[in-house]
Amino acid sequence: PPQEILTKDSVTVSVDAVVYYRVNNA
């Protein structure tokens, strides 16, 4: 989900991402 993040130079941005994963050891 979009995350409200305060960057190192004090700027507020909204960033989202997508993650791909799998179960390696059941």
PDB file of all heavy atoms in Angstrom:
ATOM      1  N   PRO A   1       0.834  -1.214   0.000  1.00  0.00           N
ATOM      2  CA  PRO A   1       0.000   0.000   0.000  1.00  0.00           C
ATOM      3  C   PRO A   1       0.865   1.259   0.000  1.00  0.00           C
ATOM      4  O   PRO A   1       2.003   1.248   0.478  1.00  0.00           O
ATOM      5  CB  PRO A   1      -0.819  -0.124   1.293  1.00  0.00           C
ATOM      6  CG  PRO A   1      -0.769  -1.572   1.644  1.00  0.00           C
ATOM      7  CD  PRO A   1       0.538  -2.083   1.146  1.00  0.00           C
ATOM      8  N   PRO A   2       0.363   2.366  -0.561  1.00  0.00           N
ATOM      9  CA  PRO A   2       1.135   3.621  -0.574  1.00  0.00           C
ATOM     10  C   PRO A   2       1.541   4.028   0.840  1.00  0.00           C
ATOM     11  O   PRO A   2       0.715   4.059   1.754  1.00  0.00           O
ATOM     12  CB  PRO A   2       0.174   4.624  -1.213  1.00  0.00           C
ATOM     13  CG  PRO A   2      -0.772   3.785  -2.017  1.00  0.00           C
ATOM     14  CD  PRO A   2      -0.923   2.495  -1.274  1.00  0.00           C
ATOM     15  N   GLN A   3       2.818   4.333   1.003  1.00  0.00           N
ATOM     16  CA  GLN A   3       3.374   4.700   2.294  1.00  0.00           C
ATOM     17  C   GLN A   3       3.794   6.171   2.274  1.00  0.00           C
ATOM     18  O   GLN A   3       4.504   6.604   1.364  1.00  0.00           O
ATOM     19  CB  GLN A   3       4.591   3.832   2.632  1.00  0.00           C
ATOM     20  CG  GLN A   3       4.302   2.329   2.635  1.00  0.00           C
ATOM     21  CD  GLN A   3       3.371   1.918   3.743  1.00  0.00           C
ATOM     22  OE1 GLN A   3       3.583   2.289   4.904  1.00  0.00           O
ATOM     23  NE2 GLN A   3       2.347   1.153   3.414  1.00  0.00           N
ATOM     24  N   GLU A   4       3.337   6.937   3.268  1.00  0.00           N
ATOM     25  CA  GLU A   4       3.775   8.320   3.422  1.00  0.00           C
ATOM     26  C   GLU A   4       5.147   8.315   4.091  1.00  0.00           C
ATOM     27  O   GLU A   4       5.288   7.904   5.236  1.00  0.00           O
ATOM     28  CB  GLU A   4       2.775   9.107   4.266  1.00  0.00           C
ATOM     29  CG  GLU A   4       1.404   9.264   3.620  1.00  0.00           C
ATOM     30  CD  GLU A   4       1.445  10.206   2.418  1.00  0.00           C
ATOM     31  OE1 GLU A   4       2.375  11.043   2.362  1.00  0.00           O
ATOM     32  OE2 GLU A   4       0.559  10.102   1.566  1.00  0.00           O
ATOM     33  N   ILE A   5       6.147   8.777   3.349  1.00  0.00           N
ATOM     34  CA  ILE A   5       7.534   8.669   3.793  1.00  0.00           C
ATOM     35  C   ILE A   5       8.162  10.051   3.830  1.00  0.00           C
ATOM     36  O   ILE A   5       7.991  10.858   2.904  1.00  0.00           O
ATOM     37  CB  ILE A   5       8.332   7.741   2.849  1.00  0.00           C
ATOM     38  CG1 ILE A   5       7.722   6.331   2.854  1.00  0.00           C
ATOM     39  CG2 ILE A   5       9.795   7.685   3.252  1.00  0.00           C
ATOM     40  CD1 ILE A   5       8.279   5.432   1.793  1.00  0.00           C
ATOM     41  N   LEU A   6       8.899  10.341   4.899  1.00  0.00           N
ATOM     42  CA  LEU A   6       9.677  11.571   5.022  1.00  0.00           C
ATOM     43  C   LEU A   6      11.108  11.266   4.594  1.00  0.00           C
ATOM     44  O   LEU A   6      11.808  10.484   5.242  1.00  0.00           O
ATOM     45  CB  LEU A   6       9.649  12.090   6.462  1.00  0.00           C
ATOM     46  CG  LEU A   6      10.355  13.436   6.710  1.00  0.00           C
ATOM     47  CD1 LEU A   6       9.652  14.549   5.933  1.00  0.00           C
ATOM     48  CD2 LEU A   6      10.389  13.748   8.186  1.00  0.00           C
ATOM     49  N   THR A   7      11.533  11.850   3.493  1.00  0.00           N
ATOM     50  CA  THR A   7      12.853  11.566   2.949  1.00  0.00           C
ATOM     51  C   THR A   7      13.942  12.213   3.792  1.00  0.00           C
ATOM     52  O   THR A   7      13.679  12.950   4.743  1.00  0.00           O
ATOM     53  CB  THR A   7      12.949  12.062   1.495  1.00  0.00           C
ATOM     54  OG1 THR A   7      12.771  13.483   1.484  1.00  0.00           O
ATOM     55  CG2 THR A   7      11.872  11.423   0.649  1.00  0.00           C
ATOM     56  N   LYS A   8      15.175  11.933   3.407  1.00  0.00           N
ATOM     57  CA  LYS A   8      16.319  12.452   4.147  1.00  0.00           C
ATOM     58  C   LYS A   8      16.384  13.973   4.096  1.00  0.00           C
ATOM     59  O   LYS A   8      16.862  14.608   5.047  1.00  0.00           O
ATOM     60  CB  LYS A   8      17.599  11.834   3.591  1.00  0.00           C
ATOM     61  CG  LYS A   8      18.844  12.120   4.404  1.00  0.00           C
ATOM     62  CD  LYS A   8      20.039  11.395   3.811  1.00  0.00           C
ATOM     63  CE  LYS A   8      21.294  11.648   4.633  1.00  0.00           C
ATOM     64  NZ  LYS A   8      22.473  10.939   4.056  1.00  0.00           N
ATOM     65  N   ASP A   9      15.921  14.569   2.989  1.00  0.00           N
ATOM     66  CA  ASP A   9      15.928  16.029   2.865  1.00  0.00           C
ATOM     67  C   ASP A   9      14.584  16.646   3.257  1.00  0.00           C
ATOM     68  O   ASP A   9      14.212  17.703   2.759  1.00  0.00           O
ATOM     69  CB  ASP A   9      16.307  16.443   1.446  1.00  0.00           C
ATOM     70  CG  ASP A   9      15.504  15.706   0.392  1.00  0.00           C
ATOM     71  OD1 ASP A   9      14.724  14.809   0.768  1.00  0.00           O
ATOM     72  OD2 ASP A   9      15.653  16.017  -0.792  1.00  0.00           O
ATOM     73  N   SER A  10      13.823  15.947   4.118  1.00  0.00           N
ATOM     74  CA  SER A  10      12.590  16.467   4.731  1.00  0.00           C
ATOM     75  C   SER A  10      11.507  16.783   3.703  1.00  0.00           C
ATOM     76  O   SER A  10      10.858  17.824   3.762  1.00  0.00           O
ATOM     77  CB  SER A  10      12.906  17.723   5.566  1.00  0.00           C
ATOM     78  OG  SER A  10      13.839  17.431   6.581  1.00  0.00           O
ATOM     79  N   VAL A  11      11.307  15.878   2.753  1.00  0.00           N
ATOM     80  CA  VAL A  11      10.227  15.990   1.773  1.00  0.00           C
ATOM     81  C   VAL A  11       9.289  14.798   1.960  1.00  0.00           C
ATOM     82  O   VAL A  11       9.741  13.653   2.015  1.00  0.00           O
ATOM     83  CB  VAL A  11      10.768  16.021   0.330  1.00  0.00           C
ATOM     84  CG1 VAL A  11       9.621  16.082  -0.667  1.00  0.00           C
ATOM     85  CG2 VAL A  11      11.698  17.221   0.140  1.00  0.00           C
ATOM     86  N   THR A  12       8.003  15.072   2.075  1.00  0.00           N
ATOM     87  CA  THR A  12       7.020  14.006   2.254  1.00  0.00           C
ATOM     88  C   THR A  12       6.556  13.497   0.896  1.00  0.00           C
ATOM     89  O   THR A  12       6.043  14.264   0.078  1.00  0.00           O
ATOM     90  CB  THR A  12       5.819  14.508   3.059  1.00  0.00           C
ATOM     91  OG1 THR A  12       6.272  15.002   4.326  1.00  0.00           O
ATOM     92  CG2 THR A  12       4.824  13.388   3.290  1.00  0.00           C
ATOM     93  N   VAL A  13       6.724  12.207   0.646  1.00  0.00           N
ATOM     94  CA  VAL A  13       6.312  11.585  -0.606  1.00  0.00           C
ATOM     95  C   VAL A  13       5.488  10.340  -0.293  1.00  0.00           C
ATOM     96  O   VAL A  13       5.592   9.757   0.800  1.00  0.00           O
ATOM     97  CB  VAL A  13       7.524  11.205  -1.492  1.00  0.00           C
ATOM     98  CG1 VAL A  13       8.281  12.443  -1.930  1.00  0.00           C
ATOM     99  CG2 VAL A  13       8.463  10.257  -0.749  1.00  0.00           C
ATOM    100  N   SER A  14       4.677   9.940  -1.247  1.00  0.00           N
ATOM    101  CA  SER A  14       3.871   8.719  -1.142  1.00  0.00           C
ATOM    102  C   SER A  14       4.404   7.709  -2.155  1.00  0.00           C
ATOM    103  O   SER A  14       4.413   7.983  -3.358  1.00  0.00           O
ATOM    104  CB  SER A  14       2.392   9.025  -1.412  1.00  0.00           C
ATOM    105  OG  SER A  14       1.618   7.836  -1.348  1.00  0.00           O
ATOM    106  N   VAL A  15       4.842   6.557  -1.659  1.00  0.00           N
ATOM    107  CA  VAL A  15       5.498   5.558  -2.502  1.00  0.00           C
ATOM    108  C   VAL A  15       4.796   4.219  -2.311  1.00  0.00           C
ATOM    109  O   VAL A  15       4.478   3.827  -1.185  1.00  0.00           O
ATOM    110  CB  VAL A  15       6.993   5.420  -2.152  1.00  0.00           C
ATOM    111  CG1 VAL A  15       7.679   4.437  -3.094  1.00  0.00           C
ATOM    112  CG2 VAL A  15       7.687   6.775  -2.201  1.00  0.00           C
ATOM    113  N   ASP A  16       4.549   3.515  -3.426  1.00  0.00           N
ATOM    114  CA  ASP A  16       4.051   2.146  -3.358  1.00  0.00           C
ATOM    115  C   ASP A  16       4.954   1.246  -4.184  1.00  0.00           C
ATOM    116  O   ASP A  16       5.725   1.712  -5.022  1.00  0.00           O
ATOM    117  CB  ASP A  16       2.602   2.042  -3.828  1.00  0.00           C
ATOM    118  CG  ASP A  16       2.420   2.585  -5.237  1.00  0.00           C
ATOM    119  OD1 ASP A  16       3.374   3.134  -5.788  1.00  0.00           O
ATOM    120  OD2 ASP A  16       1.313   2.448  -5.787  1.00  0.00           O
ATOM    121  N   ALA A  17       4.846  -0.056  -3.931  1.00  0.00           N
ATOM    122  CA  ALA A  17       5.739  -1.017  -4.580  1.00  0.00           C
ATOM    123  C   ALA A  17       5.004  -2.332  -4.766  1.00  0.00           C
ATOM    124  O   ALA A  17       3.872  -2.521  -4.283  1.00  0.00           O
ATOM    125  CB  ALA A  17       7.007  -1.225  -3.743  1.00  0.00           C
ATOM    126  N   VAL A  18       5.652  -3.256  -5.481  1.00  0.00           N
ATOM    127  CA  VAL A  18       5.127  -4.609  -5.671  1.00  0.00           C
ATOM    128  C   VAL A  18       6.240  -5.592  -5.320  1.00  0.00           C
ATOM    129  O   VAL A  18       7.410  -5.363  -5.653  1.00  0.00           O
ATOM    130  CB  VAL A  18       4.625  -4.819  -7.119  1.00  0.00           C
ATOM    131  CG1 VAL A  18       5.743  -4.596  -8.126  1.00  0.00           C
ATOM    132  CG2 VAL A  18       4.021  -6.204  -7.294  1.00  0.00           C
ATOM    133  N   VAL A  19       5.865  -6.668  -4.618  1.00  0.00           N
ATOM    134  CA  VAL A  19       6.823  -7.655  -4.129  1.00  0.00           C
ATOM    135  C   VAL A  19       6.452  -9.027  -4.681  1.00  0.00           C
ATOM    136  O   VAL A  19       5.266  -9.400  -4.671  1.00  0.00           O
ATOM    137  CB  VAL A  19       6.860  -7.685  -2.584  1.00  0.00           C
ATOM    138  CG1 VAL A  19       7.834  -8.747  -2.085  1.00  0.00           C
ATOM    139  CG2 VAL A  19       7.234  -6.320  -2.029  1.00  0.00           C
ATOM    140  N   TYR A  20       7.457  -9.763  -5.150  1.00  0.00           N
ATOM    141  CA  TYR A  20       7.274 -11.130  -5.637  1.00  0.00           C
ATOM    142  C   TYR A  20       8.064 -12.071  -4.713  1.00  0.00           C
ATOM    143  O   TYR A  20       9.269 -11.871  -4.514  1.00  0.00           O
ATOM    144  CB  TYR A  20       7.789 -11.273  -7.069  1.00  0.00           C
ATOM    145  CG  TYR A  20       7.083 -10.385  -8.070  1.00  0.00           C
ATOM    146  CD1 TYR A  20       7.520  -9.084  -8.291  1.00  0.00           C
ATOM    147  CD2 TYR A  20       5.986 -10.845  -8.783  1.00  0.00           C
ATOM    148  CE1 TYR A  20       6.881  -8.263  -9.203  1.00  0.00           C
ATOM    149  CE2 TYR A  20       5.338 -10.032  -9.703  1.00  0.00           C
ATOM    150  CZ  TYR A  20       5.789  -8.745  -9.904  1.00  0.00           C
ATOM    151  OH  TYR A  20       5.160  -7.926 -10.806  1.00  0.00           O
ATOM    152  N   TYR A  21       7.391 -13.069  -4.166  1.00  0.00           N
ATOM    153  CA  TYR A  21       8.060 -14.002  -3.261  1.00  0.00           C
ATOM    154  C   TYR A  21       7.439 -15.381  -3.413  1.00  0.00           C
ATOM    155  O   TYR A  21       6.367 -15.548  -4.005  1.00  0.00           O
ATOM    156  CB  TYR A  21       7.956 -13.518  -1.813  1.00  0.00           C
ATOM    157  CG  TYR A  21       6.568 -13.662  -1.222  1.00  0.00           C
ATOM    158  CD1 TYR A  21       6.225 -14.779  -0.461  1.00  0.00           C
ATOM    159  CD2 TYR A  21       5.589 -12.698  -1.424  1.00  0.00           C
ATOM    160  CE1 TYR A  21       4.953 -14.919   0.080  1.00  0.00           C
ATOM    161  CE2 TYR A  21       4.328 -12.830  -0.893  1.00  0.00           C
ATOM    162  CZ  TYR A  21       4.020 -13.935  -0.141  1.00  0.00           C
ATOM    163  OH  TYR A  21       2.758 -14.080   0.376  1.00  0.00           O
ATOM    164  N   ARG A  22       8.107 -16.374  -2.838  1.00  0.00           N
ATOM    165  CA  ARG A  22       7.606 -17.748  -2.839  1.00  0.00           C
ATOM    166  C   ARG A  22       8.087 -18.446  -1.572  1.00  0.00           C
ATOM    167  O   ARG A  22       9.041 -18.001  -0.922  1.00  0.00           O
ATOM    168  CB  ARG A  22       8.079 -18.511  -4.077  1.00  0.00           C
ATOM    169  CG  ARG A  22       9.590 -18.622  -4.186  1.00  0.00           C
ATOM    170  CD  ARG A  22      10.002 -19.371  -5.440  1.00  0.00           C
ATOM    171  NE  ARG A  22      11.437 -19.359  -5.635  1.00  0.00           N
ATOM    172  CZ  ARG A  22      12.287 -20.210  -5.073  1.00  0.00           C
ATOM    173  NH1 ARG A  22      11.821 -21.166  -4.258  1.00  0.00           N
ATOM    174  NH2 ARG A  22      13.578 -20.126  -5.306  1.00  0.00           N
ATOM    175  N   VAL A  23       7.408 -19.532  -1.241  1.00  0.00           N
ATOM    176  CA  VAL A  23       7.806 -20.334  -0.079  1.00  0.00           C
ATOM    177  C   VAL A  23       8.962 -21.237  -0.498  1.00  0.00           C
ATOM    178  O   VAL A  23       8.843 -22.029  -1.436  1.00  0.00           O
ATOM    179  CB  VAL A  23       6.622 -21.163   0.438  1.00  0.00           C
ATOM    180  CG1 VAL A  23       7.077 -22.068   1.576  1.00  0.00           C
ATOM    181  CG2 VAL A  23       5.498 -20.253   0.901  1.00  0.00           C
ATOM    182  N   ASN A  24      10.082 -21.085   0.181  1.00  0.00           N
ATOM    183  CA  ASN A  24      11.279 -21.860  -0.147  1.00  0.00           C
ATOM    184  C   ASN A  24      11.377 -23.137   0.680  1.00  0.00           C
ATOM    185  O   ASN A  24      11.936 -24.131   0.229  1.00  0.00           O
ATOM    186  CB  ASN A  24      12.518 -20.984   0.075  1.00  0.00           C
ATOM    187  CG  ASN A  24      13.773 -21.610  -0.488  1.00  0.00           C
ATOM    188  OD1 ASN A  24      13.730 -22.283  -1.508  1.00  0.00           O
ATOM    189  ND2 ASN A  24      14.897 -21.403   0.177  1.00  0.00           N
ATOM    190  N   ASN A  25      10.852 -23.115   1.895  1.00  0.00           N
ATOM    191  CA  ASN A  25      10.882 -24.279   2.785  1.00  0.00           C
ATOM    192  C   ASN A  25       9.516 -24.377   3.449  1.00  0.00           C
ATOM    193  O   ASN A  25       9.182 -23.568   4.317  1.00  0.00           O
ATOM    194  CB  ASN A  25      11.994 -24.125   3.828  1.00  0.00           C
ATOM    195  CG  ASN A  25      12.226 -25.401   4.620  1.00  0.00           C
ATOM    196  OD1 ASN A  25      11.291 -26.066   5.040  1.00  0.00           O
ATOM    197  ND2 ASN A  25      13.497 -25.736   4.826  1.00  0.00           N
ATOM    198  N   ALA A  26       8.737 -25.350   3.029  1.00  0.00           N
ATOM    199  CA  ALA A  26       7.361 -25.459   3.516  1.00  0.00           C
ATOM    200  C   ALA A  26       7.308 -25.753   5.007  1.00  0.00           C
ATOM    201  O   ALA A  26       6.467 -25.206   5.733  1.00  0.00           O
ATOM    202  CB  ALA A  26       6.625 -26.552   2.734  1.00  0.00           C
TER     203      ALA A  26
END
